[in-house]
Amino acid sequence: MNDGEDYELLFTMANKSSVGGFESEWKDQFDTPLTCIGKVVERSEKDEPIVLINASSRIDLTGYAHFGNP
């Protein structure tokens, strides 16, 4: 991580009750701040696209089709 590349970690938490303790331990060990970017919810339909929704945007996370549309 010394060649100018930028890296960010993306992870999920099992439930809200563990977030406060995790944030506290994170701050004790790292200077990098945490940012909540959304939450995981069950899709209403099996073929519904996977998206990230926050207060200002909706981003399709379905992935990249390397050989065209499936």
N, C-alpha and C. Protein backbone atom coordinates (compact mmCIF):
# COMPACT_ATOMS: atom_id res chain seq x y z
N MET A 1 0.82 -1.19 0.00
CA MET A 1 0.00 0.00 0.00
C MET A 1 0.87 1.26 0.00
N ASN A 2 2.01 1.15 -0.62
CA ASN A 2 2.92 2.29 -0.65
C ASN A 2 3.12 2.87 -2.04
N ASP A 3 2.40 2.38 -3.03
CA ASP A 3 2.66 2.82 -4.39
C ASP A 3 1.62 3.79 -4.94
N GLY A 4 0.92 4.49 -4.08
CA GLY A 4 -0.05 5.48 -4.53
C GLY A 4 -1.45 4.96 -4.72
N GLU A 5 -1.66 3.68 -4.52
CA GLU A 5 -3.01 3.12 -4.64
C GLU A 5 -3.85 3.54 -3.44
N ASP A 6 -5.11 3.78 -3.66
CA ASP A 6 -6.04 4.08 -2.57
C ASP A 6 -6.90 2.86 -2.32
N TYR A 7 -7.04 2.49 -1.07
CA TYR A 7 -7.84 1.33 -0.70
C TYR A 7 -8.87 1.73 0.35
N GLU A 8 -10.02 1.15 0.27
CA GLU A 8 -11.04 1.33 1.30
C GLU A 8 -11.63 -0.02 1.61
N LEU A 9 -12.02 -0.21 2.85
CA LEU A 9 -12.66 -1.45 3.28
C LEU A 9 -14.16 -1.27 3.27
N LEU A 10 -14.87 -2.29 2.84
CA LEU A 10 -16.32 -2.30 2.86
C LEU A 10 -16.73 -3.56 3.60
N PHE A 11 -17.54 -3.41 4.64
CA PHE A 11 -17.97 -4.57 5.40
C PHE A 11 -19.36 -4.32 5.96
N THR A 12 -19.97 -5.38 6.44
CA THR A 12 -21.31 -5.29 7.03
C THR A 12 -21.26 -5.72 8.48
N MET A 13 -22.24 -5.25 9.23
CA MET A 13 -22.38 -5.62 10.64
C MET A 13 -23.64 -6.47 10.77
N ALA A 14 -23.62 -7.42 11.70
CA ALA A 14 -24.75 -8.33 11.87
C ALA A 14 -26.00 -7.62 12.37
N ASN A 15 -25.85 -6.67 13.27
CA ASN A 15 -27.00 -5.93 13.76
C ASN A 15 -26.55 -4.63 14.40
N LYS A 16 -27.49 -3.70 14.60
CA LYS A 16 -27.16 -2.39 15.14
C LYS A 16 -26.59 -2.43 16.55
N SER A 17 -26.94 -3.42 17.33
CA SER A 17 -26.48 -3.46 18.72
C SER A 17 -24.96 -3.60 18.82
N SER A 18 -24.30 -4.12 17.79
CA SER A 18 -22.86 -4.30 17.83
C SER A 18 -22.09 -3.13 17.23
N VAL A 19 -22.77 -2.17 16.61
CA VAL A 19 -22.11 -1.08 15.92
C VAL A 19 -21.34 -0.17 16.89
N GLY A 20 -21.96 0.22 17.98
CA GLY A 20 -21.31 1.14 18.93
C GLY A 20 -20.00 0.59 19.47
N GLY A 21 -19.99 -0.66 19.89
CA GLY A 21 -18.78 -1.28 20.39
C GLY A 21 -17.70 -1.39 19.32
N PHE A 22 -18.12 -1.73 18.11
CA PHE A 22 -17.17 -1.84 17.00
C PHE A 22 -16.54 -0.49 16.70
N GLU A 23 -17.37 0.57 16.64
CA GLU A 23 -16.85 1.91 16.37
C GLU A 23 -15.85 2.34 17.44
N SER A 24 -16.14 2.06 18.68
CA SER A 24 -15.25 2.42 19.78
C SER A 24 -13.91 1.70 19.67
N GLU A 25 -13.94 0.40 19.41
CA GLU A 25 -12.70 -0.36 19.26
C GLU A 25 -11.92 0.10 18.03
N TRP A 26 -12.62 0.43 16.95
CA TRP A 26 -11.97 0.90 15.72
C TRP A 26 -11.20 2.19 16.02
N LYS A 27 -11.86 3.14 16.71
CA LYS A 27 -11.22 4.43 17.01
C LYS A 27 -10.00 4.25 17.90
N ASP A 28 -10.01 3.25 18.77
CA ASP A 28 -8.87 2.98 19.64
C ASP A 28 -7.66 2.49 18.85
N GLN A 29 -7.88 1.86 17.70
CA GLN A 29 -6.79 1.23 16.95
C GLN A 29 -6.39 1.97 15.67
N PHE A 30 -7.31 2.75 15.09
CA PHE A 30 -7.03 3.36 13.78
C PHE A 30 -7.40 4.84 13.77
N ASP A 31 -6.71 5.61 12.93
CA ASP A 31 -7.02 7.03 12.74
C ASP A 31 -8.05 7.24 11.64
N THR A 32 -8.26 6.23 10.80
CA THR A 32 -9.19 6.33 9.68
C THR A 32 -10.63 6.30 10.19
N PRO A 33 -11.44 7.29 9.81
CA PRO A 33 -12.83 7.30 10.29
C PRO A 33 -13.70 6.27 9.57
N LEU A 34 -14.75 5.84 10.23
CA LEU A 34 -15.74 4.95 9.64
C LEU A 34 -16.88 5.78 9.05
N THR A 35 -17.46 5.29 7.96
CA THR A 35 -18.60 5.95 7.34
C THR A 35 -19.66 4.93 7.02
N CYS A 36 -20.85 5.11 7.55
CA CYS A 36 -21.97 4.23 7.21
C CYS A 36 -22.49 4.66 5.85
N ILE A 37 -22.54 3.72 4.90
CA ILE A 37 -23.01 4.07 3.55
C ILE A 37 -24.37 3.48 3.21
N GLY A 38 -24.94 2.70 4.11
CA GLY A 38 -26.24 2.13 3.83
C GLY A 38 -26.52 0.93 4.71
N LYS A 39 -27.55 0.18 4.36
CA LYS A 39 -27.89 -1.02 5.11
C LYS A 39 -28.35 -2.11 4.15
N VAL A 40 -28.21 -3.34 4.60
CA VAL A 40 -28.60 -4.50 3.80
C VAL A 40 -30.03 -4.87 4.16
N VAL A 41 -30.87 -4.98 3.15
CA VAL A 41 -32.25 -5.40 3.36
C VAL A 41 -32.59 -6.50 2.37
N GLU A 42 -33.56 -7.31 2.71
CA GLU A 42 -33.97 -8.41 1.83
C GLU A 42 -34.68 -7.85 0.60
N ARG A 43 -34.37 -8.43 -0.56
CA ARG A 43 -35.03 -8.00 -1.79
C ARG A 43 -36.48 -8.49 -1.77
N SER A 44 -37.38 -7.69 -2.33
CA SER A 44 -38.79 -8.08 -2.35
C SER A 44 -39.06 -9.14 -3.41
N GLU A 45 -38.25 -9.18 -4.48
CA GLU A 45 -38.41 -10.18 -5.53
C GLU A 45 -37.06 -10.78 -5.87
N LYS A 46 -37.02 -12.06 -6.20
CA LYS A 46 -35.77 -12.77 -6.46
C LYS A 46 -34.95 -12.13 -7.57
N ASP A 47 -35.58 -11.63 -8.63
CA ASP A 47 -34.84 -11.07 -9.75
C ASP A 47 -34.65 -9.55 -9.65
N GLU A 48 -34.99 -8.97 -8.52
CA GLU A 48 -34.79 -7.54 -8.30
C GLU A 48 -33.29 -7.26 -8.25
N PRO A 49 -32.80 -6.17 -8.89
CA PRO A 49 -31.37 -5.89 -8.87
C PRO A 49 -30.87 -5.56 -7.45
N ILE A 50 -29.58 -5.78 -7.24
CA ILE A 50 -28.96 -5.44 -5.97
C ILE A 50 -28.52 -3.99 -6.07
N VAL A 51 -28.97 -3.15 -5.15
CA VAL A 51 -28.65 -1.72 -5.20
C VAL A 51 -28.22 -1.21 -3.83
N LEU A 52 -27.46 -0.12 -3.85
CA LEU A 52 -27.11 0.61 -2.65
C LEU A 52 -27.94 1.89 -2.68
N ILE A 53 -28.74 2.08 -1.64
CA ILE A 53 -29.60 3.26 -1.59
C ILE A 53 -29.21 4.07 -0.36
N ASN A 54 -28.92 5.36 -0.56
CA ASN A 54 -28.72 6.25 0.57
C ASN A 54 -29.58 7.48 0.37
N ALA A 55 -29.39 8.50 1.17
CA ALA A 55 -30.26 9.67 1.12
C ALA A 55 -30.21 10.40 -0.22
N SER A 56 -29.11 10.29 -0.96
CA SER A 56 -28.99 11.09 -2.18
C SER A 56 -28.85 10.29 -3.47
N SER A 57 -28.72 8.97 -3.41
CA SER A 57 -28.50 8.23 -4.65
C SER A 57 -28.95 6.78 -4.55
N ARG A 58 -29.00 6.15 -5.72
CA ARG A 58 -29.32 4.72 -5.85
C ARG A 58 -28.31 4.14 -6.82
N ILE A 59 -27.44 3.24 -6.37
CA ILE A 59 -26.36 2.70 -7.18
C ILE A 59 -26.59 1.21 -7.41
N ASP A 60 -26.59 0.79 -8.66
CA ASP A 60 -26.75 -0.61 -9.01
C ASP A 60 -25.46 -1.36 -8.71
N LEU A 61 -25.52 -2.38 -7.84
CA LEU A 61 -24.35 -3.17 -7.47
C LEU A 61 -24.38 -4.57 -8.08
N THR A 62 -25.20 -4.76 -9.09
CA THR A 62 -25.39 -6.08 -9.68
C THR A 62 -24.09 -6.65 -10.24
N GLY A 63 -23.20 -5.82 -10.71
CA GLY A 63 -21.91 -6.29 -11.21
C GLY A 63 -21.71 -5.95 -12.67
N TYR A 64 -20.57 -6.34 -13.17
CA TYR A 64 -20.17 -6.04 -14.54
C TYR A 64 -20.28 -7.30 -15.38
N ALA A 65 -20.90 -7.20 -16.53
CA ALA A 65 -21.01 -8.34 -17.45
C ALA A 65 -19.80 -8.31 -18.40
N HIS A 66 -18.84 -9.17 -18.18
CA HIS A 66 -17.60 -9.16 -18.96
C HIS A 66 -17.82 -9.48 -20.43
N PHE A 67 -18.79 -10.30 -20.75
CA PHE A 67 -19.01 -10.72 -22.14
C PHE A 67 -20.37 -10.26 -22.65
N GLY A 68 -20.77 -9.07 -22.29
CA GLY A 68 -22.04 -8.53 -22.73
C GLY A 68 -23.15 -8.84 -21.74
N ASN A 69 -24.35 -8.53 -22.11
CA ASN A 69 -25.49 -8.75 -21.23
C ASN A 69 -25.80 -10.24 -21.10
N PRO A 70 -26.13 -10.68 -19.89
CA PRO A 70 -26.44 -12.10 -19.69
C PRO A 70 -27.71 -12.52 -20.38
